[in-house]
Amino acid sequence: MSVVSSVLVPYASYLRVYEPLAAFPEAERAHWARYAARDRVPTAQDELRRSLADLAATPPAGVPVHESADAFVAEVDGVVCVCPWRTRLRGWLALDGLADMFPGPVLDAVLPPVVRGQALADHERWAERNPDARPWIRTAVWQVPVRWFVLFVDEEREHVTAGKDGEPPVFRYRTPMVQARRRLARSLRTLRETMDEGPLTAGLVDVGRWLEEFHPRALVELDYGGLVHALPERQLAEDRSAADVAEGIAALRAGDAEKAAEAYGRLADRWRAVRDRQFAN
């Protein structure tokens, strides 16, 4: 594998699902079993390098030509679980949102209309053959969506500072699928009982439908990814975003709108400062 750069900082966060091998069809299960048994499996940094290499292709390609056969691997209570990258599928899905992120002339310069059109046509043909396909990874740029924090509690927070050997810092939450679904359902019920329907409610419904597609013994992970490079170490150490969201929803449940507003205000201030850096020189 060629290394595009020794410094990789895409400011994105990720919501991932790791499924046990039993969740996959027999042929795919055998592939992942062999894959997980290797001495070394690719890391998030490896995935980023490969993605950057794809973007540097000439002529430009909207999405990879072939689907990735790689995955992230985790062990949950002695059970091997995998999170397939599905880079090509995620690329197709990401194309849908590009028009909202870039002005037309910029987007056309990066990915000409003919390239985007071909990629979308390829996706349509592929989707007809694979109507039930879904990604194991969701991505957000320059933020962590509030709805993702609903799935976790502060005790599941993991923060590892940068290593002396150059390893980047890690900030993530992990929880069993059953807990993620339970917390989401309870939070959604609270919001519907105390607030009008809005973006947060719709977002929770969307995440809930996605989670229902996976094995009940799966693992759900929220990874700050490249955002650890946009936050000072002190701020990462003090980050309690999942706790703020849980506190706000608990306050709504108790009828304490003032306390809920305070919790949301802390969360909003923290992530507004991160999003504002997207437009800094």
Protein backbone atom coordinates (compact mmCIF):
# COMPACT_ATOMS: atom_id res chain seq x y z
CA MET A 1 0.00 0.00 0.00
CA SER A 2 1.38 3.40 -0.92
CA VAL A 3 1.36 6.14 1.69
CA VAL A 4 -0.13 9.37 0.42
CA SER A 5 0.93 11.44 3.41
CA SER A 6 2.30 10.90 6.87
CA VAL A 7 -0.13 13.52 8.19
CA LEU A 8 -3.80 12.70 7.68
CA VAL A 9 -6.37 15.05 9.15
CA PRO A 10 -9.82 14.73 7.59
CA TYR A 11 -12.04 16.45 10.13
CA ALA A 12 -14.75 13.78 10.28
CA SER A 13 -16.41 11.68 12.96
CA TYR A 14 -17.81 8.17 12.52
CA LEU A 15 -20.67 6.07 13.84
CA ARG A 16 -19.83 2.40 13.28
CA VAL A 17 -21.52 -0.94 13.86
CA TYR A 18 -19.46 -4.09 14.44
CA GLU A 19 -21.44 -7.28 13.85
CA PRO A 20 -20.59 -10.80 15.05
CA LEU A 21 -19.55 -13.25 12.35
CA ALA A 22 -22.84 -15.09 12.80
CA ALA A 23 -24.67 -12.10 11.29
CA PHE A 24 -23.13 -12.66 7.85
CA PRO A 25 -24.04 -15.17 5.13
CA GLU A 26 -21.87 -18.28 5.21
CA ALA A 27 -19.51 -17.34 2.36
CA GLU A 28 -18.95 -13.83 3.68
CA ARG A 29 -18.63 -15.17 7.22
CA ALA A 30 -15.73 -17.39 6.14
CA HIS A 31 -14.02 -14.42 4.50
CA TRP A 32 -14.30 -12.28 7.64
CA ALA A 33 -13.17 -15.11 9.88
CA ARG A 34 -9.97 -15.47 7.85
CA TYR A 35 -9.59 -11.71 7.71
CA ALA A 36 -9.91 -11.24 11.48
CA ALA A 37 -7.34 -13.97 12.13
CA ARG A 38 -4.56 -12.07 10.34
CA ASP A 39 -1.61 -10.78 12.34
CA ARG A 40 -2.51 -7.21 11.43
CA VAL A 41 -5.74 -5.67 10.22
CA PRO A 42 -5.99 -2.16 8.75
CA THR A 43 -6.62 0.80 11.03
CA ALA A 44 -8.62 3.98 10.53
CA GLN A 45 -5.42 5.66 9.33
CA ASP A 46 -5.06 2.99 6.64
CA GLU A 47 -8.61 3.60 5.47
CA LEU A 48 -7.93 7.33 5.21
CA ARG A 49 -4.78 6.80 3.17
CA ARG A 50 -6.61 4.58 0.71
CA SER A 51 -9.45 7.07 0.42
CA LEU A 52 -7.03 9.90 -0.32
CA ALA A 53 -5.30 7.75 -2.93
CA ASP A 54 -8.66 7.17 -4.64
CA LEU A 55 -9.34 10.92 -4.71
CA ALA A 56 -5.99 11.55 -6.39
CA ALA A 57 -6.83 9.36 -9.38
CA THR A 58 -6.52 10.74 -12.92
CA PRO A 59 -9.06 11.19 -14.36
CA PRO A 60 -10.95 11.86 -11.11
CA ALA A 61 -13.27 9.13 -9.85
CA GLY A 62 -16.42 9.94 -7.91
CA VAL A 63 -16.21 6.67 -6.00
CA PRO A 64 -13.82 3.69 -5.97
CA VAL A 65 -14.16 1.38 -8.96
CA HIS A 66 -14.27 -1.71 -6.76
CA GLU A 67 -15.80 -2.32 -3.35
CA SER A 68 -13.42 -2.64 -0.42
CA ALA A 69 -12.87 -6.09 1.06
CA ASP A 70 -11.54 -4.62 4.32
CA ALA A 71 -13.12 -4.11 7.71
CA PHE A 72 -12.44 -2.93 11.23
CA VAL A 73 -12.27 -5.74 13.78
CA ALA A 74 -13.22 -5.77 17.47
CA GLU A 75 -13.70 -8.48 20.08
CA VAL A 76 -16.81 -8.27 22.25
CA ASP A 77 -16.99 -10.66 25.21
CA GLY A 78 -14.80 -13.13 23.34
CA VAL A 79 -16.84 -12.84 20.12
CA VAL A 80 -15.13 -11.52 16.98
CA CYS A 81 -17.09 -8.67 15.38
CA VAL A 82 -16.36 -6.87 12.13
CA CYS A 83 -17.35 -3.54 10.65
CA PRO A 84 -16.99 -3.73 6.83
CA TRP A 85 -15.71 -0.52 5.25
CA ARG A 86 -17.97 -0.67 2.19
CA THR A 87 -16.07 2.33 0.83
CA ARG A 88 -17.73 2.31 -2.58
CA LEU A 89 -21.25 2.27 -1.14
CA ARG A 90 -20.38 5.07 1.28
CA GLY A 91 -18.91 7.07 -1.59
CA TRP A 92 -22.13 6.80 -3.54
CA LEU A 93 -24.16 7.88 -0.54
CA ALA A 94 -21.82 10.81 0.14
CA LEU A 95 -22.27 12.14 -3.39
CA ASP A 96 -25.87 12.97 -2.56
CA GLY A 97 -24.79 15.57 -0.01
CA LEU A 98 -21.98 17.26 -1.92
CA ALA A 99 -24.23 19.86 -3.52
CA ASP A 100 -25.14 21.17 -0.06
CA MET A 101 -21.48 21.46 0.99
CA PHE A 102 -19.81 23.20 -1.96
CA PRO A 103 -20.71 26.01 -4.39
CA GLY A 104 -21.47 24.72 -7.87
CA PRO A 105 -18.24 25.96 -9.55
CA VAL A 106 -16.08 24.44 -6.79
CA LEU A 107 -17.90 21.12 -6.95
CA ASP A 108 -17.64 21.01 -10.75
CA ALA A 109 -13.89 21.65 -10.54
CA VAL A 110 -13.35 18.85 -8.03
CA LEU A 111 -15.75 16.35 -9.57
CA PRO A 112 -17.00 17.30 -13.06
CA PRO A 113 -20.71 16.77 -13.69
CA VAL A 114 -20.03 13.90 -16.11
CA VAL A 115 -18.07 12.06 -13.38
CA ARG A 116 -20.83 12.57 -10.81
CA GLY A 117 -23.47 11.54 -13.31
CA GLN A 118 -21.65 8.31 -14.14
CA ALA A 119 -21.21 7.50 -10.46
CA LEU A 120 -24.90 8.07 -9.72
CA ALA A 121 -25.90 5.91 -12.71
CA ASP A 122 -23.61 3.13 -11.48
CA HIS A 123 -25.20 3.39 -8.02
CA GLU A 124 -28.71 3.14 -9.42
CA ARG A 125 -27.85 -0.03 -11.31
CA TRP A 126 -26.09 -1.50 -8.28
CA ALA A 127 -28.97 -0.62 -5.94
CA GLU A 128 -31.44 -2.47 -8.18
CA ARG A 129 -29.40 -5.63 -7.61
CA ASN A 130 -28.81 -4.94 -3.91
CA PRO A 131 -32.00 -3.31 -2.57
CA ASP A 132 -31.30 -4.19 1.09
CA ALA A 133 -27.71 -2.95 1.23
CA ARG A 134 -26.75 -0.52 3.99
CA PRO A 135 -23.44 0.86 5.26
CA TRP A 136 -21.93 -0.20 8.57
CA ILE A 137 -20.37 3.28 8.94
CA ARG A 138 -21.91 6.74 9.01
CA THR A 139 -19.78 9.86 8.66
CA ALA A 140 -20.20 13.49 9.72
CA VAL A 141 -17.85 16.32 8.75
CA TRP A 142 -16.70 18.97 11.26
CA GLN A 143 -19.17 17.80 13.90
CA VAL A 144 -20.62 14.94 15.87
CA PRO A 145 -24.42 14.96 15.38
CA VAL A 146 -26.30 15.34 18.67
CA ARG A 147 -28.41 12.29 17.84
CA TRP A 148 -25.31 10.07 17.93
CA PHE A 149 -24.56 10.97 21.54
CA VAL A 150 -27.99 9.72 22.59
CA LEU A 151 -26.76 6.12 22.11
CA PHE A 152 -24.04 6.36 24.79
CA VAL A 153 -23.37 7.26 28.42
CA ASP A 154 -20.39 9.02 29.92
CA GLU A 155 -19.03 5.81 31.48
CA GLU A 156 -18.48 4.40 27.98
CA ARG A 157 -16.19 7.28 27.04
CA GLU A 158 -12.61 6.33 26.08
CA HIS A 159 -9.91 8.98 25.71
CA VAL A 160 -6.33 8.01 24.88
CA THR A 161 -3.80 10.80 24.46
CA ALA A 162 -1.31 10.90 21.60
CA GLY A 163 1.47 8.33 21.93
CA LYS A 164 5.19 9.06 21.93
CA ASP A 165 5.60 6.88 18.83
CA GLY A 166 3.40 9.19 16.79
CA GLU A 167 0.11 7.39 17.35
CA PRO A 168 -2.76 9.89 17.13
CA PRO A 169 -5.08 10.50 20.09
CA VAL A 170 -8.29 8.48 20.29
CA PHE A 171 -11.66 9.61 21.59
CA ARG A 172 -14.58 7.23 21.29
CA TYR A 173 -17.63 5.65 22.90
CA ARG A 174 -18.61 1.99 22.61
CA THR A 175 -21.79 0.27 23.72
CA PRO A 176 -23.74 -2.96 23.06
CA MET A 177 -26.43 -2.65 20.41
CA VAL A 178 -29.18 -3.51 22.91
CA GLN A 179 -28.20 -0.52 25.06
CA ALA A 180 -27.98 1.82 22.08
CA ARG A 181 -31.48 0.87 20.92
CA ARG A 182 -32.92 1.17 24.43
CA ARG A 183 -31.46 4.63 25.00
CA LEU A 184 -32.58 5.85 21.61
CA ALA A 185 -36.15 4.61 22.12
CA ARG A 186 -36.39 6.21 25.56
CA SER A 187 -34.96 9.52 24.35
CA LEU A 188 -37.28 9.59 21.35
CA ARG A 189 -40.27 8.99 23.59
CA THR A 190 -39.20 11.86 25.86
CA LEU A 191 -38.73 14.27 22.97
CA ARG A 192 -42.12 13.43 21.50
CA GLU A 193 -43.81 13.93 24.86
CA THR A 194 -42.12 17.26 25.62
CA MET A 195 -41.32 18.96 22.30
CA ASP A 196 -42.71 19.50 18.83
CA GLU A 197 -41.38 17.31 16.04
CA GLY A 198 -38.09 18.70 14.79
CA PRO A 199 -34.69 17.83 13.31
CA LEU A 200 -33.50 15.98 16.43
CA THR A 201 -36.60 13.79 16.52
CA ALA A 202 -36.34 13.05 12.79
CA GLY A 203 -32.64 12.30 13.18
CA LEU A 204 -33.27 9.82 16.00
CA VAL A 205 -35.91 8.06 13.91
CA ASP A 206 -33.42 7.75 11.06
CA VAL A 207 -30.66 6.38 13.31
CA GLY A 208 -33.12 3.98 14.94
CA ARG A 209 -34.18 2.53 11.60
CA TRP A 210 -30.54 2.09 10.65
CA LEU A 211 -29.67 0.30 13.90
CA GLU A 212 -32.58 -2.09 13.45
CA GLU A 213 -30.84 -3.47 10.36
CA PHE A 214 -28.07 -5.05 12.44
CA HIS A 215 -27.58 -8.08 14.69
CA PRO A 216 -28.81 -7.55 18.28
CA ARG A 217 -25.39 -8.58 19.65
CA ALA A 218 -23.54 -5.99 17.60
CA LEU A 219 -21.30 -3.27 19.03
CA VAL A 220 -21.96 0.42 18.32
CA GLU A 221 -19.04 2.85 18.26
CA LEU A 222 -18.84 6.63 18.04
CA ASP A 223 -15.32 7.70 17.02
CA TYR A 224 -14.28 11.36 16.98
CA GLY A 225 -11.88 10.44 14.19
CA GLY A 226 -10.01 13.43 12.79
CA LEU A 227 -11.87 15.83 15.07
CA VAL A 228 -9.33 15.03 17.80
CA HIS A 229 -6.96 17.25 15.80
CA ALA A 230 -9.43 20.14 15.86
CA LEU A 231 -9.81 20.09 19.64
CA PRO A 232 -7.05 21.03 22.11
CA GLU A 233 -6.00 18.18 24.41
CA ARG A 234 -7.40 19.99 27.45
CA GLN A 235 -10.76 20.37 25.75
CA LEU A 236 -10.82 16.69 24.82
CA ALA A 237 -10.05 15.75 28.41
CA GLU A 238 -13.00 17.85 29.58
CA ASP A 239 -15.40 16.77 26.81
CA ARG A 240 -18.52 15.19 28.32
CA SER A 241 -20.85 15.56 25.35
CA ALA A 242 -22.74 12.30 25.90
CA ALA A 243 -23.28 13.29 29.53
CA ASP A 244 -24.60 16.71 28.47
CA VAL A 245 -27.09 15.10 26.08
CA ALA A 246 -28.21 12.58 28.71
CA GLU A 247 -28.59 15.37 31.28
CA GLY A 248 -30.64 17.46 28.89
CA ILE A 249 -33.03 14.64 28.02
CA ALA A 250 -33.38 13.66 31.68
CA ALA A 251 -34.23 17.27 32.50
CA LEU A 252 -36.90 17.33 29.79
CA ARG A 253 -38.31 14.12 31.20
CA ALA A 254 -38.49 15.75 34.64
CA GLY A 255 -40.09 18.90 33.26
CA ASP A 256 -37.07 21.10 34.00
CA ALA A 257 -36.75 23.14 30.82
CA GLU A 258 -34.14 25.48 32.33
CA LYS A 259 -31.74 22.67 33.19
CA ALA A 260 -32.29 21.11 29.75
CA ALA A 261 -31.42 24.44 28.10
CA GLU A 262 -28.22 24.72 30.16
CA ALA A 263 -27.07 21.24 29.10
CA TYR A 264 -27.85 21.94 25.46
CA GLY A 265 -26.07 25.30 25.68
CA ARG A 266 -22.85 23.65 26.85
CA LEU A 267 -23.04 21.14 24.01
CA ALA A 268 -23.88 23.76 21.38
CA ASP A 269 -21.04 26.07 22.43
CA ARG A 270 -18.52 23.22 22.33
CA TRP A 271 -19.40 22.05 18.85
CA ARG A 272 -20.07 25.48 17.37
CA ALA A 273 -16.42 26.30 18.03
CA VAL A 274 -15.42 23.20 16.06
CA ARG A 275 -17.75 23.84 13.11
CA ASP A 276 -16.57 27.44 12.83
CA ARG A 277 -13.04 26.20 12.10
CA GLN A 278 -14.30 24.72 8.84
CA PHE A 279 -14.31 28.22 7.36
CA ALA A 280 -11.09 29.48 8.94
CA ASN A 281 -8.06 30.16 6.73
